[in-house]
N, C-alpha and C. Protein backbone atom coordinates (compact mmCIF):
# COMPACT_ATOMS: atom_id res chain seq x y z
N MET A 1 -15.53 3.16 -26.27
CA MET A 1 -15.05 4.05 -25.23
C MET A 1 -14.35 3.21 -24.17
N THR A 2 -13.25 3.71 -23.67
CA THR A 2 -12.46 3.02 -22.67
C THR A 2 -12.39 3.86 -21.41
N PHE A 3 -12.48 3.19 -20.25
CA PHE A 3 -12.28 3.84 -18.96
C PHE A 3 -10.89 3.46 -18.48
N ALA A 4 -10.14 4.43 -17.98
CA ALA A 4 -8.78 4.15 -17.50
C ALA A 4 -8.57 4.76 -16.13
N TYR A 5 -7.79 4.06 -15.32
CA TYR A 5 -7.41 4.53 -13.99
C TYR A 5 -5.95 4.17 -13.77
N THR A 6 -5.19 5.09 -13.21
CA THR A 6 -3.79 4.84 -12.87
C THR A 6 -3.60 5.12 -11.39
N ASP A 7 -3.04 4.12 -10.67
CA ASP A 7 -2.83 4.32 -9.24
C ASP A 7 -1.54 5.11 -9.00
N PRO A 8 -1.29 5.51 -7.75
CA PRO A 8 -0.11 6.31 -7.45
C PRO A 8 1.22 5.61 -7.79
N ASP A 9 1.21 4.28 -7.88
CA ASP A 9 2.43 3.54 -8.23
C ASP A 9 2.62 3.41 -9.74
N GLY A 10 1.68 3.94 -10.51
CA GLY A 10 1.81 3.88 -11.96
C GLY A 10 1.20 2.65 -12.61
N HIS A 11 0.48 1.83 -11.84
CA HIS A 11 -0.20 0.66 -12.41
C HIS A 11 -1.51 1.13 -13.05
N HIS A 12 -1.83 0.55 -14.18
CA HIS A 12 -2.99 0.99 -14.96
C HIS A 12 -4.10 -0.05 -14.93
N LEU A 13 -5.32 0.45 -14.91
CA LEU A 13 -6.51 -0.37 -15.02
C LEU A 13 -7.32 0.22 -16.16
N GLU A 14 -7.65 -0.60 -17.14
CA GLU A 14 -8.42 -0.13 -18.28
C GLU A 14 -9.63 -1.04 -18.48
N LEU A 15 -10.77 -0.45 -18.76
CA LEU A 15 -11.99 -1.19 -19.07
C LEU A 15 -12.38 -0.84 -20.49
N GLU A 16 -12.71 -1.88 -21.27
CA GLU A 16 -13.11 -1.63 -22.65
C GLU A 16 -14.16 -2.64 -23.09
N PRO A 17 -15.06 -2.23 -23.98
CA PRO A 17 -16.01 -3.18 -24.55
C PRO A 17 -15.25 -4.16 -25.43
N ASP A 18 -15.68 -5.40 -25.41
CA ASP A 18 -14.92 -6.44 -26.12
C ASP A 18 -15.88 -7.60 -26.40
N SER A 19 -15.33 -8.69 -26.88
CA SER A 19 -16.09 -9.94 -27.01
C SER A 19 -15.19 -11.09 -26.59
N ASP A 20 -15.81 -12.16 -26.11
CA ASP A 20 -15.02 -13.31 -25.67
C ASP A 20 -14.69 -14.20 -26.86
N HIS A 21 -14.12 -15.37 -26.57
CA HIS A 21 -13.68 -16.27 -27.64
C HIS A 21 -14.84 -16.85 -28.45
N ASP A 22 -16.07 -16.79 -27.87
CA ASP A 22 -17.27 -17.23 -28.58
C ASP A 22 -18.02 -16.07 -29.20
N ASN A 23 -17.37 -14.91 -29.25
CA ASN A 23 -17.92 -13.69 -29.85
C ASN A 23 -19.12 -13.13 -29.08
N ARG A 24 -19.23 -13.43 -27.77
CA ARG A 24 -20.26 -12.84 -26.92
C ARG A 24 -19.72 -11.54 -26.35
N PRO A 25 -20.57 -10.52 -26.17
CA PRO A 25 -20.10 -9.25 -25.64
C PRO A 25 -19.66 -9.38 -24.18
N VAL A 26 -18.54 -8.74 -23.86
CA VAL A 26 -18.00 -8.71 -22.51
C VAL A 26 -17.38 -7.34 -22.27
N VAL A 27 -17.08 -7.07 -21.02
CA VAL A 27 -16.24 -5.93 -20.68
C VAL A 27 -14.90 -6.53 -20.28
N THR A 28 -13.83 -6.07 -20.91
CA THR A 28 -12.50 -6.57 -20.57
C THR A 28 -11.81 -5.55 -19.68
N ILE A 29 -11.30 -6.05 -18.56
CA ILE A 29 -10.51 -5.24 -17.65
C ILE A 29 -9.06 -5.63 -17.87
N TRP A 30 -8.24 -4.66 -18.18
CA TRP A 30 -6.80 -4.88 -18.35
C TRP A 30 -6.10 -4.32 -17.13
N ALA A 31 -5.35 -5.15 -16.46
CA ALA A 31 -4.52 -4.69 -15.35
C ALA A 31 -3.09 -4.65 -15.87
N ARG A 32 -2.50 -3.48 -15.85
CA ARG A 32 -1.15 -3.32 -16.40
C ARG A 32 -0.17 -2.92 -15.31
N ALA A 33 0.92 -3.61 -15.29
CA ALA A 33 2.05 -3.27 -14.43
C ALA A 33 3.23 -3.05 -15.38
N PRO A 34 4.38 -2.65 -14.87
CA PRO A 34 5.49 -2.37 -15.78
C PRO A 34 5.85 -3.52 -16.72
N PHE A 35 5.72 -4.76 -16.29
CA PHE A 35 6.16 -5.87 -17.14
C PHE A 35 5.05 -6.86 -17.46
N ALA A 36 3.80 -6.49 -17.24
CA ALA A 36 2.71 -7.44 -17.49
C ALA A 36 1.44 -6.69 -17.89
N ARG A 37 0.62 -7.38 -18.64
CA ARG A 37 -0.70 -6.89 -19.01
C ARG A 37 -1.63 -8.09 -18.99
N VAL A 38 -2.58 -8.09 -18.08
CA VAL A 38 -3.43 -9.26 -17.87
C VAL A 38 -4.89 -8.89 -18.13
N PRO A 39 -5.59 -9.64 -19.02
CA PRO A 39 -7.00 -9.34 -19.26
C PRO A 39 -7.91 -10.17 -18.36
N VAL A 40 -8.99 -9.55 -17.92
CA VAL A 40 -10.07 -10.25 -17.23
C VAL A 40 -11.33 -9.89 -17.99
N ARG A 41 -11.99 -10.90 -18.59
CA ARG A 41 -13.19 -10.65 -19.39
C ARG A 41 -14.43 -10.97 -18.57
N ILE A 42 -15.31 -9.97 -18.44
CA ILE A 42 -16.51 -10.12 -17.62
C ILE A 42 -17.73 -10.12 -18.52
N PRO A 43 -18.50 -11.22 -18.53
CA PRO A 43 -19.73 -11.24 -19.32
C PRO A 43 -20.68 -10.13 -18.85
N LEU A 44 -21.44 -9.60 -19.76
CA LEU A 44 -22.32 -8.48 -19.43
C LEU A 44 -23.32 -8.82 -18.33
N ASP A 45 -23.76 -10.06 -18.26
CA ASP A 45 -24.72 -10.42 -17.23
C ASP A 45 -24.09 -10.60 -15.85
N ARG A 46 -22.77 -10.38 -15.72
CA ARG A 46 -22.08 -10.49 -14.43
C ARG A 46 -21.50 -9.14 -13.97
N ILE A 47 -21.75 -8.07 -14.74
CA ILE A 47 -21.19 -6.75 -14.42
C ILE A 47 -21.66 -6.27 -13.05
N GLU A 48 -22.95 -6.37 -12.76
CA GLU A 48 -23.47 -5.90 -11.47
C GLU A 48 -22.86 -6.67 -10.32
N GLU A 49 -22.59 -7.94 -10.51
CA GLU A 49 -21.93 -8.75 -9.48
C GLU A 49 -20.54 -8.18 -9.18
N VAL A 50 -19.80 -7.84 -10.21
CA VAL A 50 -18.45 -7.31 -10.04
C VAL A 50 -18.51 -5.94 -9.36
N VAL A 51 -19.44 -5.09 -9.79
CA VAL A 51 -19.57 -3.76 -9.19
C VAL A 51 -19.96 -3.88 -7.72
N ALA A 52 -20.91 -4.75 -7.40
CA ALA A 52 -21.32 -4.95 -6.01
C ALA A 52 -20.16 -5.49 -5.18
N GLY A 53 -19.39 -6.41 -5.73
CA GLY A 53 -18.23 -6.93 -5.03
C GLY A 53 -17.18 -5.85 -4.78
N LEU A 54 -16.99 -4.99 -5.77
CA LEU A 54 -16.04 -3.88 -5.62
C LEU A 54 -16.51 -2.93 -4.52
N ARG A 55 -17.79 -2.61 -4.50
CA ARG A 55 -18.32 -1.72 -3.46
C ARG A 55 -18.17 -2.33 -2.08
N ASP A 56 -18.54 -3.60 -1.93
CA ASP A 56 -18.42 -4.26 -0.63
C ASP A 56 -16.97 -4.34 -0.19
N THR A 57 -16.06 -4.62 -1.11
CA THR A 57 -14.65 -4.70 -0.77
C THR A 57 -14.13 -3.32 -0.35
N ALA A 58 -14.60 -2.26 -1.01
CA ALA A 58 -14.20 -0.91 -0.63
C ALA A 58 -14.71 -0.58 0.77
N ARG A 59 -15.93 -0.98 1.09
CA ARG A 59 -16.47 -0.75 2.43
C ARG A 59 -15.62 -1.48 3.48
N GLN A 60 -15.24 -2.70 3.16
CA GLN A 60 -14.42 -3.47 4.10
C GLN A 60 -13.05 -2.81 4.27
N ALA A 61 -12.49 -2.30 3.19
CA ALA A 61 -11.19 -1.63 3.28
C ALA A 61 -11.29 -0.40 4.17
N ALA A 62 -12.46 0.23 4.18
CA ALA A 62 -12.67 1.42 5.00
C ALA A 62 -13.06 1.05 6.43
N GLY A 63 -13.16 -0.26 6.72
CA GLY A 63 -13.46 -0.71 8.07
C GLY A 63 -14.92 -1.00 8.33
N ALA A 64 -15.76 -0.92 7.31
CA ALA A 64 -17.18 -1.21 7.48
C ALA A 64 -17.45 -2.67 7.18
N THR A 65 -18.62 -3.13 7.57
CA THR A 65 -19.01 -4.49 7.24
C THR A 65 -19.68 -4.49 5.87
N PRO A 66 -19.70 -5.64 5.20
CA PRO A 66 -20.33 -5.71 3.88
C PRO A 66 -21.81 -5.32 3.95
N ASP A 67 -22.31 -4.79 2.86
CA ASP A 67 -23.74 -4.45 2.75
C ASP A 67 -24.50 -5.73 2.46
N HIS A 68 -25.18 -6.25 3.47
CA HIS A 68 -25.84 -7.55 3.33
C HIS A 68 -27.04 -7.52 2.39
N ARG A 69 -27.56 -6.30 2.08
CA ARG A 69 -28.62 -6.23 1.07
C ARG A 69 -28.08 -6.66 -0.28
N HIS A 70 -26.85 -6.21 -0.61
CA HIS A 70 -26.25 -6.62 -1.88
C HIS A 70 -25.92 -8.10 -1.86
N THR A 71 -25.42 -8.59 -0.72
CA THR A 71 -25.08 -10.00 -0.60
C THR A 71 -26.31 -10.85 -0.80
N ALA A 72 -27.43 -10.48 -0.18
CA ALA A 72 -28.67 -11.24 -0.33
C ALA A 72 -29.14 -11.21 -1.78
N ALA A 73 -29.03 -10.06 -2.43
CA ALA A 73 -29.46 -9.96 -3.83
C ALA A 73 -28.59 -10.83 -4.72
N LEU A 74 -27.29 -10.84 -4.46
CA LEU A 74 -26.39 -11.67 -5.26
C LEU A 74 -26.68 -13.15 -5.04
N HIS A 75 -26.94 -13.55 -3.80
CA HIS A 75 -27.31 -14.95 -3.54
C HIS A 75 -28.57 -15.31 -4.30
N HIS A 76 -29.53 -14.39 -4.32
CA HIS A 76 -30.78 -14.63 -5.04
C HIS A 76 -30.53 -14.83 -6.53
N MET A 77 -29.50 -14.16 -7.08
CA MET A 77 -29.17 -14.30 -8.50
C MET A 77 -28.33 -15.55 -8.76
N GLY A 78 -27.99 -16.29 -7.69
CA GLY A 78 -27.22 -17.51 -7.88
C GLY A 78 -25.72 -17.32 -7.79
N VAL A 79 -25.27 -16.14 -7.35
CA VAL A 79 -23.84 -15.88 -7.23
C VAL A 79 -23.35 -16.50 -5.93
N THR A 80 -22.28 -17.27 -6.01
CA THR A 80 -21.78 -17.94 -4.82
C THR A 80 -20.41 -17.47 -4.38
N ASN A 81 -19.67 -16.80 -5.24
CA ASN A 81 -18.30 -16.38 -4.89
C ASN A 81 -18.27 -14.95 -4.39
N ILE A 82 -19.02 -14.69 -3.33
CA ILE A 82 -19.13 -13.35 -2.76
C ILE A 82 -18.09 -13.18 -1.67
N PRO A 83 -17.34 -12.07 -1.68
CA PRO A 83 -16.36 -11.86 -0.62
C PRO A 83 -17.02 -11.85 0.75
N THR A 84 -16.39 -12.46 1.71
CA THR A 84 -16.94 -12.49 3.06
C THR A 84 -16.07 -11.66 3.98
N GLU A 85 -16.62 -11.35 5.15
CA GLU A 85 -15.87 -10.59 6.13
C GLU A 85 -14.66 -11.38 6.58
N GLN A 86 -13.57 -10.69 6.79
CA GLN A 86 -12.38 -11.32 7.33
C GLN A 86 -12.44 -11.20 8.85
N PRO A 87 -11.99 -12.24 9.57
CA PRO A 87 -12.03 -12.17 11.05
C PRO A 87 -11.10 -11.11 11.59
């Protein structure tokens, strides 16, 4: 099953089950523009990190501060590349 989203400019985002080069299961995100198609493969054990980052980034876009409960949980899991507030 594939999830697809198209923004108002016609750029496509597709998520599909896949496997990486070592045949481990991943979710592949395809970002498509008129002249490019770029894959981003996310290991299954990092999906929650990506979802939490997406939620925090959406909150920041709306003018809110990041949810520090998610940030603390991600730090506890050993995640270090967490988006931070912009000045």
